[in-house]
Amino acid sequence: MSRKLKLKLDFNDADCLEVEYKEGKWARVTYIVFRSFLGNRKVGGKVYKGPVYYEGTNAVYKPKGKEEPRVVCITELNDRNRETIQEHRFYDRDERYKTPISPNPSYL
């Protein structure tokens, strides 16, 4: 599988990468899961404090308060972008299009 995007690695990916998926439960993971995991992470047994990326991208995830430990998926980035597009899509500059149009009574 080839990638067109080179992923940023702010850590040594050859070291032991671990994530805490439950309180006190740690698991070894690949660098792809490690960089997109929202929760406690360790590199070589030392606590790692670094950016969390959306899975498979270099876009940094900004958490909204306290969240459950999980992998931040690319679909969340797509949903966030879709919400932004929706806000701009329904904007009309012309006032005459803002009044509702009644359906033709013959069709009812």
PDB file of N, CA and C in Angstrom:
ATOM      1  N   MET A   1       0.850  -1.173   0.000  1.00  0.00           N
ATOM      2  CA  MET A   1       0.000   0.000   0.000  1.00  0.00           C
ATOM      3  C   MET A   1       0.895   1.234   0.000  1.00  0.00           C
ATOM      4  N   SER A   2       0.664   2.116  -0.919  1.00  0.00           N
ATOM      5  CA  SER A   2       1.484   3.323  -0.991  1.00  0.00           C
ATOM      6  C   SER A   2       0.718   4.507  -0.430  1.00  0.00           C
ATOM      7  N   ARG A   3       1.450   5.432   0.135  1.00  0.00           N
ATOM      8  CA  ARG A   3       0.860   6.652   0.685  1.00  0.00           C
ATOM      9  C   ARG A   3       1.397   7.842  -0.081  1.00  0.00           C
ATOM     10  N   LYS A   4       0.547   8.804  -0.338  1.00  0.00           N
ATOM     11  CA  LYS A   4       0.989  10.031  -0.973  1.00  0.00           C
ATOM     12  C   LYS A   4       1.425  11.038   0.083  1.00  0.00           C
ATOM     13  N   LEU A   5       0.935  10.870   1.316  1.00  0.00           N
ATOM     14  CA  LEU A   5       1.214  11.793   2.392  1.00  0.00           C
ATOM     15  C   LEU A   5       2.215  11.175   3.353  1.00  0.00           C
ATOM     16  N   LYS A   6       3.305  11.888   3.644  1.00  0.00           N
ATOM     17  CA  LYS A   6       4.272  11.411   4.615  1.00  0.00           C
ATOM     18  C   LYS A   6       3.815  11.861   5.996  1.00  0.00           C
ATOM     19  N   LEU A   7       3.567  10.911   6.882  1.00  0.00           N
ATOM     20  CA  LEU A   7       3.066  11.215   8.210  1.00  0.00           C
ATOM     21  C   LEU A   7       4.172  11.759   9.102  1.00  0.00           C
ATOM     22  N   LYS A   8       3.831  12.778   9.904  1.00  0.00           N
ATOM     23  CA  LYS A   8       4.779  13.346  10.857  1.00  0.00           C
ATOM     24  C   LYS A   8       4.907  12.399  12.036  1.00  0.00           C
ATOM     25  N   LEU A   9       6.145  12.115  12.425  1.00  0.00           N
ATOM     26  CA  LEU A   9       6.401  11.287  13.596  1.00  0.00           C
ATOM     27  C   LEU A   9       7.216  12.109  14.574  1.00  0.00           C
ATOM     28  N   ASP A  10       6.612  12.485  15.690  1.00  0.00           N
ATOM     29  CA  ASP A  10       7.275  13.293  16.709  1.00  0.00           C
ATOM     30  C   ASP A  10       7.935  12.414  17.774  1.00  0.00           C
ATOM     31  N   PHE A  11       8.092  11.142  17.493  1.00  0.00           N
ATOM     32  CA  PHE A  11       8.628  10.185  18.448  1.00  0.00           C
ATOM     33  C   PHE A  11       9.399   9.121  17.676  1.00  0.00           C
ATOM     34  N   ASN A  12      10.111   8.269  18.399  1.00  0.00           N
ATOM     35  CA  ASN A  12      10.852   7.175  17.783  1.00  0.00           C
ATOM     36  C   ASN A  12       9.884   6.015  17.540  1.00  0.00           C
ATOM     37  N   ASP A  13       9.549   5.778  16.288  1.00  0.00           N
ATOM     38  CA  ASP A  13       8.562   4.728  15.987  1.00  0.00           C
ATOM     39  C   ASP A  13       9.122   3.319  16.131  1.00  0.00           C
ATOM     40  N   ALA A  14      10.431   3.177  16.294  1.00  0.00           N
ATOM     41  CA  ALA A  14      11.035   1.857  16.483  1.00  0.00           C
ATOM     42  C   ALA A  14      11.036   1.442  17.950  1.00  0.00           C
ATOM     43  N   ASP A  15      10.700   2.361  18.839  1.00  0.00           N
ATOM     44  CA  ASP A  15      10.674   2.078  20.268  1.00  0.00           C
ATOM     45  C   ASP A  15       9.360   1.390  20.645  1.00  0.00           C
ATOM     46  N   CYS A  16       9.237   0.981  21.893  1.00  0.00           N
ATOM     47  CA  CYS A  16       8.020   0.337  22.386  1.00  0.00           C
ATOM     48  C   CYS A  16       6.940   1.397  22.578  1.00  0.00           C
ATOM     49  N   LEU A  17       5.881   1.323  21.793  1.00  0.00           N
ATOM     50  CA  LEU A  17       4.778   2.288  21.845  1.00  0.00           C
ATOM     51  C   LEU A  17       3.598   1.647  22.561  1.00  0.00           C
ATOM     52  N   GLU A  18       3.129   2.315  23.626  1.00  0.00           N
ATOM     53  CA  GLU A  18       2.037   1.765  24.418  1.00  0.00           C
ATOM     54  C   GLU A  18       0.959   2.823  24.641  1.00  0.00           C
ATOM     55  N   VAL A  19      -0.296   2.369  24.738  1.00  0.00           N
ATOM     56  CA  VAL A  19      -1.430   3.238  25.048  1.00  0.00           C
ATOM     57  C   VAL A  19      -2.211   2.631  26.207  1.00  0.00           C
ATOM     58  N   GLU A  20      -2.805   3.499  27.020  1.00  0.00           N
ATOM     59  CA  GLU A  20      -3.623   3.044  28.145  1.00  0.00           C
ATOM     60  C   GLU A  20      -5.083   3.068  27.714  1.00  0.00           C
ATOM     61  N   TYR A  21      -5.622   1.905  27.345  1.00  0.00           N
ATOM     62  CA  TYR A  21      -6.993   1.833  26.837  1.00  0.00           C
ATOM     63  C   TYR A  21      -8.024   1.747  27.950  1.00  0.00           C
ATOM     64  N   LYS A  22      -7.629   1.266  29.131  1.00  0.00           N
ATOM     65  CA  LYS A  22      -8.449   1.292  30.345  1.00  0.00           C
ATOM     66  C   LYS A  22      -7.518   1.687  31.477  1.00  0.00           C
ATOM     67  N   GLU A  23      -8.090   2.091  32.596  1.00  0.00           N
ATOM     68  CA  GLU A  23      -7.255   2.514  33.716  1.00  0.00           C
ATOM     69  C   GLU A  23      -6.375   1.358  34.190  1.00  0.00           C
ATOM     70  N   GLY A  24      -5.077   1.549  34.063  1.00  0.00           N
ATOM     71  CA  GLY A  24      -4.121   0.531  34.481  1.00  0.00           C
ATOM     72  C   GLY A  24      -3.859  -0.557  33.442  1.00  0.00           C
ATOM     73  N   LYS A  25      -4.524  -0.520  32.306  1.00  0.00           N
ATOM     74  CA  LYS A  25      -4.354  -1.520  31.239  1.00  0.00           C
ATOM     75  C   LYS A  25      -3.636  -0.883  30.055  1.00  0.00           C
ATOM     76  N   TRP A  26      -2.450  -1.366  29.763  1.00  0.00           N
ATOM     77  CA  TRP A  26      -1.639  -0.832  28.667  1.00  0.00           C
ATOM     78  C   TRP A  26      -1.511  -1.876  27.571  1.00  0.00           C
ATOM     79  N   ALA A  27      -1.420  -1.418  26.340  1.00  0.00           N
ATOM     80  CA  ALA A  27      -1.265  -2.320  25.195  1.00  0.00           C
ATOM     81  C   ALA A  27      -0.244  -1.737  24.233  1.00  0.00           C
ATOM     82  N   ARG A  28       0.551  -2.617  23.615  1.00  0.00           N
ATOM     83  CA  ARG A  28       1.486  -2.183  22.575  1.00  0.00           C
ATOM     84  C   ARG A  28       0.722  -1.991  21.279  1.00  0.00           C
ATOM     85  N   VAL A  29       1.070  -0.918  20.571  1.00  0.00           N
ATOM     86  CA  VAL A  29       0.366  -0.600  19.327  1.00  0.00           C
ATOM     87  C   VAL A  29       1.367  -0.172  18.264  1.00  0.00           C
ATOM     88  N   THR A  30       0.875  -0.035  17.042  1.00  0.00           N
ATOM     89  CA  THR A  30       1.708   0.464  15.948  1.00  0.00           C
ATOM     90  C   THR A  30       1.771   1.982  16.019  1.00  0.00           C
ATOM     91  N   TYR A  31       2.677   2.570  15.262  1.00  0.00           N
ATOM     92  CA  TYR A  31       2.827   4.027  15.291  1.00  0.00           C
ATOM     93  C   TYR A  31       1.599   4.738  14.736  1.00  0.00           C
ATOM     94  N   ILE A  32       0.852   4.102  13.837  1.00  0.00           N
ATOM     95  CA  ILE A  32      -0.342   4.723  13.260  1.00  0.00           C
ATOM     96  C   ILE A  32      -1.421   4.890  14.329  1.00  0.00           C
ATOM     97  N   VAL A  33      -1.632   3.863  15.137  1.00  0.00           N
ATOM     98  CA  VAL A  33      -2.607   3.945  16.228  1.00  0.00           C
ATOM     99  C   VAL A  33      -2.089   4.878  17.316  1.00  0.00           C
ATOM    100  N   PHE A  34      -0.796   4.808  17.618  1.00  0.00           N
ATOM    101  CA  PHE A  34      -0.199   5.609  18.688  1.00  0.00           C
ATOM    102  C   PHE A  34      -0.368   7.106  18.458  1.00  0.00           C
ATOM    103  N   ARG A  35      -0.108   7.555  17.237  1.00  0.00           N
ATOM    104  CA  ARG A  35      -0.149   9.000  16.974  1.00  0.00           C
ATOM    105  C   ARG A  35      -1.571   9.544  16.946  1.00  0.00           C
ATOM    106  N   SER A  36      -2.583   8.668  16.799  1.00  0.00           N
ATOM    107  CA  SER A  36      -3.968   9.136  16.764  1.00  0.00           C
ATOM    108  C   SER A  36      -4.767   8.687  17.986  1.00  0.00           C
ATOM    109  N   PHE A  37      -4.080   8.238  19.030  1.00  0.00           N
ATOM    110  CA  PHE A  37      -4.774   7.777  20.236  1.00  0.00           C
ATOM    111  C   PHE A  37      -4.980   8.941  21.193  1.00  0.00           C
ATOM    112  N   LEU A  38      -6.210   9.113  21.640  1.00  0.00           N
ATOM    113  CA  LEU A  38      -6.561  10.168  22.585  1.00  0.00           C
ATOM    114  C   LEU A  38      -6.590   9.549  23.977  1.00  0.00           C
ATOM    115  N   GLY A  39      -5.542   9.755  24.719  1.00  0.00           N
ATOM    116  CA  GLY A  39      -5.410   9.183  26.056  1.00  0.00           C
ATOM    117  C   GLY A  39      -3.942   9.138  26.441  1.00  0.00           C
ATOM    118  N   ASN A  40      -3.626   8.415  27.516  1.00  0.00           N
ATOM    119  CA  ASN A  40      -2.246   8.307  27.983  1.00  0.00           C
ATOM    120  C   ASN A  40      -1.436   7.432  27.037  1.00  0.00           C
ATOM    121  N   ARG A  41      -0.201   7.885  26.748  1.00  0.00           N
ATOM    122  CA  ARG A  41       0.680   7.157  25.837  1.00  0.00           C
ATOM    123  C   ARG A  41       2.084   7.091  26.420  1.00  0.00           C
ATOM    124  N   LYS A  42       2.809   6.011  26.099  1.00  0.00           N
ATOM    125  CA  LYS A  42       4.198   5.847  26.536  1.00  0.00           C
ATOM    126  C   LYS A  42       5.070   5.474  25.349  1.00  0.00           C
ATOM    127  N   VAL A  43       6.290   6.025  25.351  1.00  0.00           N
ATOM    128  CA  VAL A  43       7.303   5.642  24.364  1.00  0.00           C
ATOM    129  C   VAL A  43       8.486   5.115  25.154  1.00  0.00           C
ATOM    130  N   GLY A  44       8.791   3.835  24.996  1.00  0.00           N
ATOM    131  CA  GLY A  44       9.907   3.231  25.711  1.00  0.00           C
ATOM    132  C   GLY A  44       9.751   3.288  27.214  1.00  0.00           C
ATOM    133  N   GLY A  45       8.528   3.209  27.726  1.00  0.00           N
ATOM    134  CA  GLY A  45       8.267   3.224  29.152  1.00  0.00           C
ATOM    135  C   GLY A  45       8.159   4.611  29.753  1.00  0.00           C
ATOM    136  N   LYS A  46       8.389   5.665  28.964  1.00  0.00           N
ATOM    137  CA  LYS A  46       8.289   7.044  29.461  1.00  0.00           C
ATOM    138  C   LYS A  46       7.012   7.689  28.924  1.00  0.00           C
ATOM    139  N   VAL A  47       6.361   8.476  29.772  1.00  0.00           N
ATOM    140  CA  VAL A  47       5.111   9.142  29.379  1.00  0.00           C
ATOM    141  C   VAL A  47       5.383  10.096  28.224  1.00  0.00           C
ATOM    142  N   TYR A  48       4.507  10.039  27.210  1.00  0.00           N
ATOM    143  CA  TYR A  48       4.645  10.883  26.023  1.00  0.00           C
ATOM    144  C   TYR A  48       3.537  11.923  26.013  1.00  0.00           C
ATOM    145  N   LYS A  49       3.927  13.193  25.958  1.00  0.00           N
ATOM    146  CA  LYS A  49       2.976  14.307  25.840  1.00  0.00           C
ATOM    147  C   LYS A  49       3.245  14.974  24.498  1.00  0.00           C
ATOM    148  N   GLY A  50       2.426  14.689  23.542  1.00  0.00           N
ATOM    149  CA  GLY A  50       2.595  15.254  22.208  1.00  0.00           C
ATOM    150  C   GLY A  50       1.260  15.429  21.525  1.00  0.00           C
ATOM    151  N   PRO A  51       1.274  15.943  20.296  1.00  0.00           N
ATOM    152  CA  PRO A  51       0.009  16.178  19.592  1.00  0.00           C
ATOM    153  C   PRO A  51      -0.689  14.878  19.218  1.00  0.00           C
ATOM    154  N   VAL A  52      -2.010  14.953  19.148  1.00  0.00           N
ATOM    155  CA  VAL A  52      -2.832  13.835  18.683  1.00  0.00           C
ATOM    156  C   VAL A  52      -3.300  14.198  17.284  1.00  0.00           C
ATOM    157  N   TYR A  53      -3.041  13.297  16.329  1.00  0.00           N
ATOM    158  CA  TYR A  53      -3.408  13.541  14.935  1.00  0.00           C
ATOM    159  C   TYR A  53      -4.638  12.702  14.569  1.00  0.00           C
ATOM    160  N   TYR A  54      -5.412  13.206  13.604  1.00  0.00           N
ATOM    161  CA  TYR A  54      -6.470  12.374  13.030  1.00  0.00           C
ATOM    162  C   TYR A  54      -5.792  11.196  12.339  1.00  0.00           C
ATOM    163  N   GLU A  55      -6.421  10.039  12.394  1.00  0.00           N
ATOM    164  CA  GLU A  55      -5.840   8.810  11.861  1.00  0.00           C
ATOM    165  C   GLU A  55      -5.529   8.948  10.369  1.00  0.00           C
ATOM    166  N   GLY A  56      -4.264   8.724  10.008  1.00  0.00           N
ATOM    167  CA  GLY A  56      -3.843   8.744   8.617  1.00  0.00           C
ATOM    168  C   GLY A  56      -3.597  10.118   8.037  1.00  0.00           C
ATOM    169  N   THR A  57      -3.624  11.170   8.871  1.00  0.00           N
ATOM    170  CA  THR A  57      -3.402  12.527   8.378  1.00  0.00           C
ATOM    171  C   THR A  57      -2.379  13.243   9.251  1.00  0.00           C
ATOM    172  N   ASN A  58      -2.018  14.460   8.845  1.00  0.00           N
ATOM    173  CA  ASN A  58      -1.164  15.317   9.665  1.00  0.00           C
ATOM    174  C   ASN A  58      -1.965  16.444  10.302  1.00  0.00           C
ATOM    175  N   ALA A  59      -3.280  16.335  10.288  1.00  0.00           N
ATOM    176  CA  ALA A  59      -4.155  17.330  10.914  1.00  0.00           C
ATOM    177  C   ALA A  59      -4.224  17.062  12.417  1.00  0.00           C
ATOM    178  N   VAL A  60      -3.926  18.082  13.223  1.00  0.00           N
ATOM    179  CA  VAL A  60      -3.905  17.935  14.677  1.00  0.00           C
ATOM    180  C   VAL A  60      -5.329  17.987  15.222  1.00  0.00           C
ATOM    181  N   TYR A  61      -5.642  17.051  16.114  1.00  0.00           N
ATOM    182  CA  TYR A  61      -6.955  16.994  16.759  1.00  0.00           C
ATOM    183  C   TYR A  61      -6.928  17.869  18.007  1.00  0.00           C
ATOM    184  N   LYS A  62      -7.939  18.696  18.165  1.00  0.00           N
ATOM    185  CA  LYS A  62      -8.068  19.543  19.353  1.00  0.00           C
ATOM    186  C   LYS A  62      -9.211  18.985  20.199  1.00  0.00           C
ATOM    187  N   PRO A  63      -8.893  18.383  21.347  1.00  0.00           N
ATOM    188  CA  PRO A  63      -9.944  17.769  22.165  1.00  0.00           C
ATOM    189  C   PRO A  63     -10.897  18.803  22.752  1.00  0.00           C
ATOM    190  N   LYS A  64     -12.138  18.364  22.951  1.00  0.00           N
ATOM    191  CA  LYS A  64     -13.182  19.217  23.534  1.00  0.00           C
ATOM    192  C   LYS A  64     -13.411  18.772  24.976  1.00  0.00           C
ATOM    193  N   GLY A  65     -12.582  19.218  25.882  1.00  0.00           N
ATOM    194  CA  GLY A  65     -12.723  18.839  27.287  1.00  0.00           C
ATOM    195  C   GLY A  65     -12.201  17.433  27.535  1.00  0.00           C
ATOM    196  N   LYS A  66     -12.737  16.783  28.561  1.00  0.00           N
ATOM    197  CA  LYS A  66     -12.300  15.431  28.911  1.00  0.00           C
ATOM    198  C   LYS A  66     -13.069  14.420  28.074  1.00  0.00           C
ATOM    199  N   GLU A  67     -12.338  13.561  27.377  1.00  0.00           N
ATOM    200  CA  GLU A  67     -12.958  12.552  26.519  1.00  0.00           C
ATOM    201  C   GLU A  67     -12.428  11.173  26.878  1.00  0.00           C
ATOM    202  N   GLU A  68     -13.156  10.164  26.467  1.00  0.00           N
ATOM    203  CA  GLU A  68     -12.752   8.774  26.688  1.00  0.00           C
ATOM    204  C   GLU A  68     -11.516   8.432  25.858  1.00  0.00           C
ATOM    205  N   PRO A  69     -10.664   7.525  26.333  1.00  0.00           N
ATOM    206  CA  PRO A  69      -9.530   7.082  25.516  1.00  0.00           C
ATOM    207  C   PRO A  69     -10.022   6.357  24.267  1.00  0.00           C
ATOM    208  N   ARG A  70      -9.531   6.799  23.103  1.00  0.00           N
ATOM    209  CA  ARG A  70      -9.959   6.196  21.835  1.00  0.00           C
ATOM    210  C   ARG A  70      -9.028   6.645  20.725  1.00  0.00           C
ATOM    211  N   VAL A  71      -9.193   6.030  19.566  1.00  0.00           N
ATOM    212  CA  VAL A  71      -8.464   6.438  18.371  1.00  0.00           C
ATOM    213  C   VAL A  71      -9.312   7.473  17.644  1.00  0.00           C
ATOM    214  N   VAL A  72      -8.701   8.607  17.299  1.00  0.00           N
ATOM    215  CA  VAL A  72      -9.411   9.674  16.608  1.00  0.00           C
ATOM    216  C   VAL A  72      -9.408   9.345  15.116  1.00  0.00           C
ATOM    217  N   CYS A  73     -10.577   9.032  14.572  1.00  0.00           N
ATOM    218  CA  CYS A  73     -10.701   8.561  13.189  1.00  0.00           C
ATOM    219  C   CYS A  73     -10.779   9.714  12.194  1.00  0.00           C
ATOM    220  N   ILE A  74     -10.433   9.407  10.953  1.00  0.00           N
ATOM    221  CA  ILE A  74     -10.488  10.379   9.857  1.00  0.00           C
ATOM    222  C   ILE A  74     -11.923  10.806   9.589  1.00  0.00           C
ATOM    223  N   THR A  75     -12.895   9.952   9.865  1.00  0.00           N
ATOM    224  CA  THR A  75     -14.295  10.295   9.605  1.00  0.00           C
ATOM    225  C   THR A  75     -14.742  11.473  10.458  1.00  0.00           C
ATOM    226  N   GLU A  76     -14.145  11.636  11.650  1.00  0.00           N
ATOM    227  CA  GLU A  76     -14.480  12.781  12.492  1.00  0.00           C
ATOM    228  C   GLU A  76     -14.023  14.078  11.840  1.00  0.00           C
ATOM    229  N   LEU A  77     -12.882  14.051  11.179  1.00  0.00           N
ATOM    230  CA  LEU A  77     -12.391  15.224  10.467  1.00  0.00           C
ATOM    231  C   LEU A  77     -13.320  15.542   9.306  1.00  0.00           C
ATOM    232  N   ASN A  78     -13.765  14.520   8.594  1.00  0.00           N
ATOM    233  CA  ASN A  78     -14.693  14.720   7.484  1.00  0.00           C
ATOM    234  C   ASN A  78     -16.019  15.286   7.974  1.00  0.00           C
ATOM    235  N   ASP A  79     -16.529  14.793   9.115  1.00  0.00           N
ATOM    236  CA  ASP A  79     -17.783  15.301   9.671  1.00  0.00           C
ATOM    237  C   ASP A  79     -17.642  16.751  10.094  1.00  0.00           C
ATOM    238  N   ARG A  80     -16.495  17.100  10.685  1.00  0.00           N
ATOM    239  CA  ARG A  80     -16.264  18.478  11.111  1.00  0.00           C
ATOM    240  C   ARG A  80     -16.215  19.411   9.907  1.00  0.00           C
ATOM    241  N   ASN A  81     -15.573  18.979   8.830  1.00  0.00           N
ATOM    242  CA  ASN A  81     -15.520  19.780   7.609  1.00  0.00           C
ATOM    243  C   ASN A  81     -16.895  19.897   6.972  1.00  0.00           C
ATOM    244  N   ARG A  82     -17.683  18.832   7.023  1.00  0.00           N
ATOM    245  CA  ARG A  82     -19.019  18.841   6.440  1.00  0.00           C
ATOM    246  C   ARG A  82     -19.907  19.855   7.158  1.00  0.00           C
ATOM    247  N   GLU A  83     -19.782  19.960   8.488  1.00  0.00           N
ATOM    248  CA  GLU A  83     -20.566  20.940   9.245  1.00  0.00           C
ATOM    249  C   GLU A  83     -20.217  22.354   8.804  1.00  0.00           C
ATOM    250  N   THR A  84     -18.946  22.620   8.578  1.00  0.00           N
ATOM    251  CA  THR A  84     -18.514  23.941   8.135  1.00  0.00           C
ATOM    252  C   THR A  84     -19.074  24.245   6.760  1.00  0.00           C
ATOM    253  N   ILE A  85     -19.067  23.273   5.862  1.00  0.00           N
ATOM    254  CA  ILE A  85     -19.597  23.462   4.514  1.00  0.00           C
ATOM    255  C   ILE A  85     -21.102  23.706   4.577  1.00  0.00           C
ATOM    256  N   GLN A  86     -21.804  22.973   5.435  1.00  0.00           N
ATOM    257  CA  GLN A  86     -23.249  23.137   5.557  1.00  0.00           C
ATOM    258  C   GLN A  86     -23.605  24.557   5.983  1.00  0.00           C
ATOM    259  N   GLU A  87     -22.817  25.152   6.883  1.00  0.00           N
ATOM    260  CA  GLU A  87     -23.101  26.513   7.331  1.00  0.00           C
ATOM    261  C   GLU A  87     -23.024  27.497   6.172  1.00  0.00           C
ATOM    262  N   HIS A  88     -22.081  27.309   5.269  1.00  0.00           N
ATOM    263  CA  HIS A  88     -21.908  28.226   4.151  1.00  0.00           C
ATOM    264  C   HIS A  88     -22.864  27.925   2.998  1.00  0.00           C
ATOM    265  N   ARG A  89     -23.305  26.698   2.889  1.00  0.00           N
ATOM    266  CA  ARG A  89     -24.145  26.300   1.762  1.00  0.00           C
ATOM    267  C   ARG A  89     -25.530  26.936   1.816  1.00  0.00           C
ATOM    268  N   PHE A  90     -26.097  27.138   2.990  1.00  0.00           N
ATOM    269  CA  PHE A  90     -27.464  27.620   3.112  1.00  0.00           C
ATOM    270  C   PHE A  90     -27.556  29.137   3.201  1.00  0.00           C
ATOM    271  N   TYR A  91     -26.519  29.826   2.862  1.00  0.00           N
ATOM    272  CA  TYR A  91     -26.526  31.284   2.920  1.00  0.00           C
ATOM    273  C   TYR A  91     -27.011  31.828   1.586  1.00  0.00           C
ATOM    274  N   ASP A  92     -28.042  32.673   1.618  1.00  0.00           N
ATOM    275  CA  ASP A  92     -28.560  33.339   0.419  1.00  0.00           C
ATOM    276  C   ASP A  92     -28.356  34.829   0.564  1.00  0.00           C
ATOM    277  N   ARG A  93     -27.833  35.441  -0.460  1.00  0.00           N
ATOM    278  CA  ARG A  93     -27.660  36.886  -0.431  1.00  0.00           C
ATOM    279  C   ARG A  93     -28.947  37.600  -0.823  1.00  0.00           C
ATOM    280  N   ASP A  94     -29.773  36.954  -1.615  1.00  0.00           N
ATOM    281  CA  ASP A  94     -30.974  37.584  -2.128  1.00  0.00           C
ATOM    282  C   ASP A  94     -32.140  37.323  -1.179  1.00  0.00           C
ATOM    283  N   GLU A  95     -32.818  38.375  -0.744  1.00  0.00           N
ATOM    284  CA  GLU A  95     -33.907  38.256   0.223  1.00  0.00           C
ATOM    285  C   GLU A  95     -35.129  37.531  -0.338  1.00  0.00           C
ATOM    286  N   ARG A  96     -35.359  37.612  -1.632  1.00  0.00           N
ATOM    287  CA  ARG A  96     -36.581  37.026  -2.185  1.00  0.00           C
ATOM    288  C   ARG A  96     -36.577  35.503  -2.085  1.00  0.00           C
ATOM    289  N   TYR A  97     -35.426  34.881  -1.970  1.00  0.00           N
ATOM    290  CA  TYR A  97     -35.374  33.429  -1.860  1.00  0.00           C
ATOM    291  C   TYR A  97     -35.579  32.951  -0.425  1.00  0.00           C
ATOM    292  N   LYS A  98     -35.637  33.872   0.522  1.00  0.00           N
ATOM    293  CA  LYS A  98     -35.809  33.481   1.913  1.00  0.00           C
ATOM    294  C   LYS A  98     -37.271  33.250   2.266  1.00  0.00           C
ATOM    295  N   THR A  99     -38.221  33.699   1.443  1.00  0.00           N
ATOM    296  CA  THR A  99     -39.635  33.447   1.709  1.00  0.00           C
ATOM    297  C   THR A  99     -39.988  32.045   1.218  1.00  0.00           C
ATOM    298  N   PRO A 100     -40.773  31.305   1.999  1.00  0.00           N
ATOM    299  CA  PRO A 100     -41.112  29.950   1.583  1.00  0.00           C
ATOM    300  C   PRO A 100     -42.020  29.939   0.357  1.00  0.00           C
ATOM    301  N   ILE A 101     -41.851  28.935  -0.456  1.00  0.00           N
ATOM    302  CA  ILE A 101     -42.666  28.781  -1.664  1.00  0.00           C
ATOM    303  C   ILE A 101     -43.709  27.718  -1.375  1.00  0.00           C
ATOM    304  N   SER A 102     -45.000  28.055  -1.578  1.00  0.00           N
ATOM    305  CA  SER A 102     -46.070  27.085  -1.355  1.00  0.00           C
ATOM    306  C   SER A 102     -46.141  26.125  -2.539  1.00  0.00           C
ATOM    307  N   PRO A 103     -46.450  24.853  -2.256  1.00  0.00           N
ATOM    308  CA  PRO A 103     -46.568  23.915  -3.364  1.00  0.00           C
ATOM    309  C   PRO A 103     -47.842  24.186  -4.173  1.00  0.00           C
ATOM    310  N   ASN A 104     -47.825  23.772  -5.395  1.00  0.00           N
ATOM    311  CA  ASN A 104     -48.966  23.940  -6.290  1.00  0.00           C
ATOM    312  C   ASN A 104     -50.104  23.038  -5.788  1.00  0.00           C
ATOM    313  N   PRO A 105     -51.305  23.596  -5.537  1.00  0.00           N
ATOM    314  CA  PRO A 105     -52.426  22.786  -4.995  1.00  0.00           C
ATOM    315  C   PRO A 105     -52.815  21.640  -5.920  1.00  0.00           C
ATOM    316  N   SER A 106     -52.581  21.747  -7.208  1.00  0.00           N
ATOM    317  CA  SER A 106     -52.970  20.672  -8.120  1.00  0.00           C
ATOM    318  C   SER A 106     -52.153  19.400  -7.909  1.00  0.00           C
ATOM    319  N   TYR A 107     -50.966  19.558  -7.308  1.00  0.00           N
ATOM    320  CA  TYR A 107     -50.121  18.380  -7.051  1.00  0.00           C
ATOM    321  C   TYR A 107     -50.508  17.670  -5.767  1.00  0.00           C
ATOM    322  N   LEU A 108     -51.314  18.335  -4.922  1.00  0.00           N
ATOM    323  CA  LEU A 108     -51.676  17.737  -3.631  1.00  0.00           C
ATOM    324  C   LEU A 108     -52.839  16.846  -3.712  1.00  0.00           C
TER     325      LEU A 108
END
